[in-house]
Amino acid sequence: MNDTTLTIDAVIDTNLTAYGNPDATSRQQQLARVWAADGKLIDPPIDGAGLDGIDQMMAAVQGQFPGHTFRRTSGIDAHHGVARYSWELLGPEGNVALVGLDVAELAEDGKLARIVGFMGDLPAA
C-alpha cells in the first residue's frame, strides 16, 4: 500500500465510514485513500464502478437511509487477497436497520479492488 499506516482493518473500516459519510468532499477523500481507481462495489440493489461511481452509489444509499452509518461487527477473515466481514447499518438512534456480509478483493497495493455485498442473514440450509 502506498500509505503504510493502512492495515486491512483500516481499509475496510474507512470504506464503511465513507459509506455513511454525508459530506461529499470528505467521503471522496476517504474513497481515494482506500479504493483502487477502477474498483467496483456491488450490492444487491445497485453497484458502482470507479471512484465516482462508488461515490454516487454511496450518496444514493444515504438518500435512502439519511443519518445512517455502517459499522463492522466481526473480525476480518482474509487470505490470498480476499477478505470477508460482517456489518450493520445503524439508524440515527443507534437501532440496527440492516445487517450483511461483504466479500472484498484487494489490489496489489492493498486498496480495495472489488466488494460484493450481501444483505441480511444467510439463508437456512
C-alpha atoms as a PDB file:
ATOM      1  CA  MET A   1       0.000   0.000   0.000  1.00  0.00           C
ATOM      2  CA  ASN A   2       1.158   3.499  -0.679  1.00  0.00           C
ATOM      3  CA  ASP A   3       0.080   4.620   2.796  1.00  0.00           C
ATOM      4  CA  THR A   4       1.892   2.233   5.127  1.00  0.00           C
ATOM      5  CA  THR A   5      -0.420   3.177   8.003  1.00  0.00           C
ATOM      6  CA  LEU A   6      -3.360   1.468   6.288  1.00  0.00           C
ATOM      7  CA  THR A   7      -3.920  -2.049   7.519  1.00  0.00           C
ATOM      8  CA  ILE A   8      -6.643  -4.252   6.067  1.00  0.00           C
ATOM      9  CA  ASP A   9      -8.773  -3.307   9.086  1.00  0.00           C
ATOM     10  CA  ALA A  10      -8.227   0.396   8.372  1.00  0.00           C
ATOM     11  CA  VAL A  11      -9.034  -0.035   4.662  1.00  0.00           C
ATOM     12  CA  ILE A  12     -12.308  -1.838   5.362  1.00  0.00           C
ATOM     13  CA  ASP A  13     -13.325   0.410   8.263  1.00  0.00           C
ATOM     14  CA  THR A  14     -12.551   3.556   6.245  1.00  0.00           C
ATOM     15  CA  ASN A  15     -14.729   2.238   3.439  1.00  0.00           C
ATOM     16  CA  LEU A  16     -17.609   1.566   5.842  1.00  0.00           C
ATOM     17  CA  THR A  17     -17.196   5.033   7.346  1.00  0.00           C
ATOM     18  CA  ALA A  18     -17.256   6.558   3.863  1.00  0.00           C
ATOM     19  CA  TYR A  19     -20.462   4.661   3.057  1.00  0.00           C
ATOM     20  CA  GLY A  20     -22.230   6.542   5.848  1.00  0.00           C
ATOM     21  CA  ASN A  21     -20.443   9.869   5.389  1.00  0.00           C
ATOM     22  CA  PRO A  22     -22.874  12.562   4.111  1.00  0.00           C
ATOM     23  CA  ASP A  23     -20.071  15.070   3.405  1.00  0.00           C
ATOM     24  CA  ALA A  24     -19.221  14.522  -0.275  1.00  0.00           C
ATOM     25  CA  THR A  25     -15.732  16.052  -0.120  1.00  0.00           C
ATOM     26  CA  SER A  26     -14.689  14.072   2.939  1.00  0.00           C
ATOM     27  CA  ARG A  27     -16.255  10.869   1.545  1.00  0.00           C
ATOM     28  CA  GLN A  28     -14.385  11.239  -1.754  1.00  0.00           C
ATOM     29  CA  GLN A  29     -11.102  11.681   0.132  1.00  0.00           C
ATOM     30  CA  GLN A  30     -11.829   8.532   2.133  1.00  0.00           C
ATOM     31  CA  LEU A  31     -12.626   6.592  -1.040  1.00  0.00           C
ATOM     32  CA  ALA A  32      -9.438   7.749  -2.790  1.00  0.00           C
ATOM     33  CA  ARG A  33      -7.434   6.599   0.226  1.00  0.00           C
ATOM     34  CA  VAL A  34      -8.751   3.011   0.246  1.00  0.00           C
ATOM     35  CA  TRP A  35     -10.139   2.189  -3.220  1.00  0.00           C
ATOM     36  CA  ALA A  36      -8.289   1.396  -6.449  1.00  0.00           C
ATOM     37  CA  ALA A  37      -9.240   3.911  -9.162  1.00  0.00           C
ATOM     38  CA  ASP A  38     -11.011   1.175 -11.145  1.00  0.00           C
ATOM     39  CA  GLY A  39     -12.621  -0.518  -8.129  1.00  0.00           C
ATOM     40  CA  LYS A  40     -16.144  -1.903  -8.166  1.00  0.00           C
ATOM     41  CA  LEU A  41     -18.711  -2.004  -5.353  1.00  0.00           C
ATOM     42  CA  ILE A  42     -21.556  -4.443  -5.943  1.00  0.00           C
ATOM     43  CA  ASP A  43     -24.558  -4.617  -3.607  1.00  0.00           C
ATOM     44  CA  PRO A  44     -27.866  -6.373  -4.338  1.00  0.00           C
ATOM     45  CA  PRO A  45     -29.887  -3.326  -5.411  1.00  0.00           C
ATOM     46  CA  ILE A  46     -27.147  -1.192  -7.066  1.00  0.00           C
ATOM     47  CA  ASP A  47     -23.472  -1.102  -7.991  1.00  0.00           C
ATOM     48  CA  GLY A  48     -20.797   1.470  -8.683  1.00  0.00           C
ATOM     49  CA  ALA A  49     -17.585   1.386 -10.711  1.00  0.00           C
ATOM     50  CA  GLY A  50     -14.579   3.669 -10.313  1.00  0.00           C
ATOM     51  CA  LEU A  51     -14.242   6.239  -7.561  1.00  0.00           C
ATOM     52  CA  ASP A  52     -17.011   8.442  -8.994  1.00  0.00           C
ATOM     53  CA  GLY A  53     -19.422   5.531  -9.439  1.00  0.00           C
ATOM     54  CA  ILE A  54     -18.770   4.243  -5.913  1.00  0.00           C
ATOM     55  CA  ASP A  55     -19.245   7.762  -4.527  1.00  0.00           C
ATOM     56  CA  GLN A  56     -22.543   8.177  -6.415  1.00  0.00           C
ATOM     57  CA  MET A  57     -23.718   4.796  -5.157  1.00  0.00           C
ATOM     58  CA  MET A  58     -22.932   5.724  -1.560  1.00  0.00           C
ATOM     59  CA  ALA A  59     -24.716   9.065  -1.961  1.00  0.00           C
ATOM     60  CA  ALA A  60     -27.788   7.234  -3.308  1.00  0.00           C
ATOM     61  CA  VAL A  61     -27.831   4.846  -0.337  1.00  0.00           C
ATOM     62  CA  GLN A  62     -27.512   7.803   2.037  1.00  0.00           C
ATOM     63  CA  GLY A  63     -30.505   9.382   0.301  1.00  0.00           C
ATOM     64  CA  GLN A  64     -32.463   6.229   1.092  1.00  0.00           C
ATOM     65  CA  PHE A  65     -31.132   5.968   4.665  1.00  0.00           C
ATOM     66  CA  PRO A  66     -30.400   9.517   5.859  1.00  0.00           C
ATOM     67  CA  GLY A  67     -28.425   9.735   9.078  1.00  0.00           C
ATOM     68  CA  HIS A  68     -27.487   6.046   8.983  1.00  0.00           C
ATOM     69  CA  THR A  69     -23.936   4.754   9.454  1.00  0.00           C
ATOM     70  CA  PHE A  70     -22.177   1.437   8.928  1.00  0.00           C
ATOM     71  CA  ARG A  71     -20.012  -0.444  11.393  1.00  0.00           C
ATOM     72  CA  ARG A  72     -18.117  -3.696  11.139  1.00  0.00           C
ATOM     73  CA  THR A  73     -19.451  -6.342  13.527  1.00  0.00           C
ATOM     74  CA  SER A  74     -16.893  -9.106  13.061  1.00  0.00           C
ATOM     75  CA  GLY A  75     -13.221  -9.627  12.685  1.00  0.00           C
ATOM     76  CA  ILE A  76     -11.810  -9.765   9.178  1.00  0.00           C
ATOM     77  CA  ASP A  77     -11.171 -13.218   7.747  1.00  0.00           C
ATOM     78  CA  ALA A  78      -8.638 -12.819   4.937  1.00  0.00           C
ATOM     79  CA  HIS A  79      -6.345 -14.876   2.723  1.00  0.00           C
ATOM     80  CA  HIS A  80      -4.883 -14.618  -0.788  1.00  0.00           C
ATOM     81  CA  GLY A  81      -6.052 -11.026  -1.240  1.00  0.00           C
ATOM     82  CA  VAL A  82      -9.690 -11.792  -0.365  1.00  0.00           C
ATOM     83  CA  ALA A  83     -11.458 -10.824   2.860  1.00  0.00           C
ATOM     84  CA  ARG A  84     -14.880 -11.278   4.412  1.00  0.00           C
ATOM     85  CA  TYR A  85     -16.524  -9.496   7.320  1.00  0.00           C
ATOM     86  CA  SER A  86     -19.984  -8.682   8.637  1.00  0.00           C
ATOM     87  CA  TRP A  87     -21.513  -5.250   9.178  1.00  0.00           C
ATOM     88  CA  GLU A  88     -24.566  -3.405  10.455  1.00  0.00           C
ATOM     89  CA  LEU A  89     -26.345  -0.334   9.163  1.00  0.00           C
ATOM     90  CA  LEU A  90     -27.329   1.774  12.175  1.00  0.00           C
ATOM     91  CA  GLY A  91     -30.111   4.336  12.264  1.00  0.00           C
ATOM     92  CA  PRO A  92     -29.598   7.778  13.798  1.00  0.00           C
ATOM     93  CA  GLU A  93     -30.879   6.460  17.169  1.00  0.00           C
ATOM     94  CA  GLY A  94     -28.483   3.504  17.067  1.00  0.00           C
ATOM     95  CA  ASN A  95     -31.064   0.911  16.034  1.00  0.00           C
ATOM     96  CA  VAL A  96     -29.954  -1.807  13.597  1.00  0.00           C
ATOM     97  CA  ALA A  97     -31.693  -1.219  10.269  1.00  0.00           C
ATOM     98  CA  LEU A  98     -29.887  -3.891   8.259  1.00  0.00           C
ATOM     99  CA  VAL A  99     -27.128  -6.491   8.624  1.00  0.00           C
ATOM    100  CA  GLY A 100     -24.925  -8.022   5.999  1.00  0.00           C
ATOM    101  CA  LEU A 101     -21.688  -9.605   4.879  1.00  0.00           C
ATOM    102  CA  ASP A 102     -19.122  -8.274   2.416  1.00  0.00           C
ATOM    103  CA  VAL A 103     -16.520 -10.159   0.426  1.00  0.00           C
ATOM    104  CA  ALA A 104     -13.661  -7.871  -0.606  1.00  0.00           C
ATOM    105  CA  GLU A 105     -10.860  -8.356  -3.108  1.00  0.00           C
ATOM    106  CA  LEU A 106      -7.704  -6.342  -2.595  1.00  0.00           C
ATOM    107  CA  ALA A 107      -5.495  -4.866  -5.290  1.00  0.00           C
ATOM    108  CA  GLU A 108      -1.729  -5.449  -5.239  1.00  0.00           C
ATOM    109  CA  ASP A 109      -1.222  -2.207  -3.280  1.00  0.00           C
ATOM    110  CA  GLY A 110      -3.709  -3.300  -0.594  1.00  0.00           C
ATOM    111  CA  LYS A 111      -6.503  -0.974  -1.699  1.00  0.00           C
ATOM    112  CA  LEU A 112      -9.967  -2.318  -2.425  1.00  0.00           C
ATOM    113  CA  ALA A 113     -10.414  -3.678  -5.945  1.00  0.00           C
ATOM    114  CA  ARG A 114     -13.932  -5.070  -5.525  1.00  0.00           C
ATOM    115  CA  ILE A 115     -16.522  -5.603  -2.829  1.00  0.00           C
ATOM    116  CA  VAL A 116     -19.538  -7.835  -3.261  1.00  0.00           C
ATOM    117  CA  GLY A 117     -22.078  -7.198  -0.523  1.00  0.00           C
ATOM    118  CA  PHE A 118     -24.834  -9.447   0.778  1.00  0.00           C
ATOM    119  CA  MET A 119     -27.723  -8.142   2.856  1.00  0.00           C
ATOM    120  CA  GLY A 120     -29.482  -9.983   5.649  1.00  0.00           C
ATOM    121  CA  ASP A 121     -28.619 -13.205   7.400  1.00  0.00           C
ATOM    122  CA  LEU A 122     -27.514 -16.234   5.445  1.00  0.00           C
ATOM    123  CA  PRO A 123     -30.427 -18.473   4.442  1.00  0.00           C
ATOM    124  CA  ALA A 124     -31.007 -21.674   6.379  1.00  0.00           C
ATOM    125  CA  ALA A 125     -29.705 -24.910   4.851  1.00  0.00           C
END
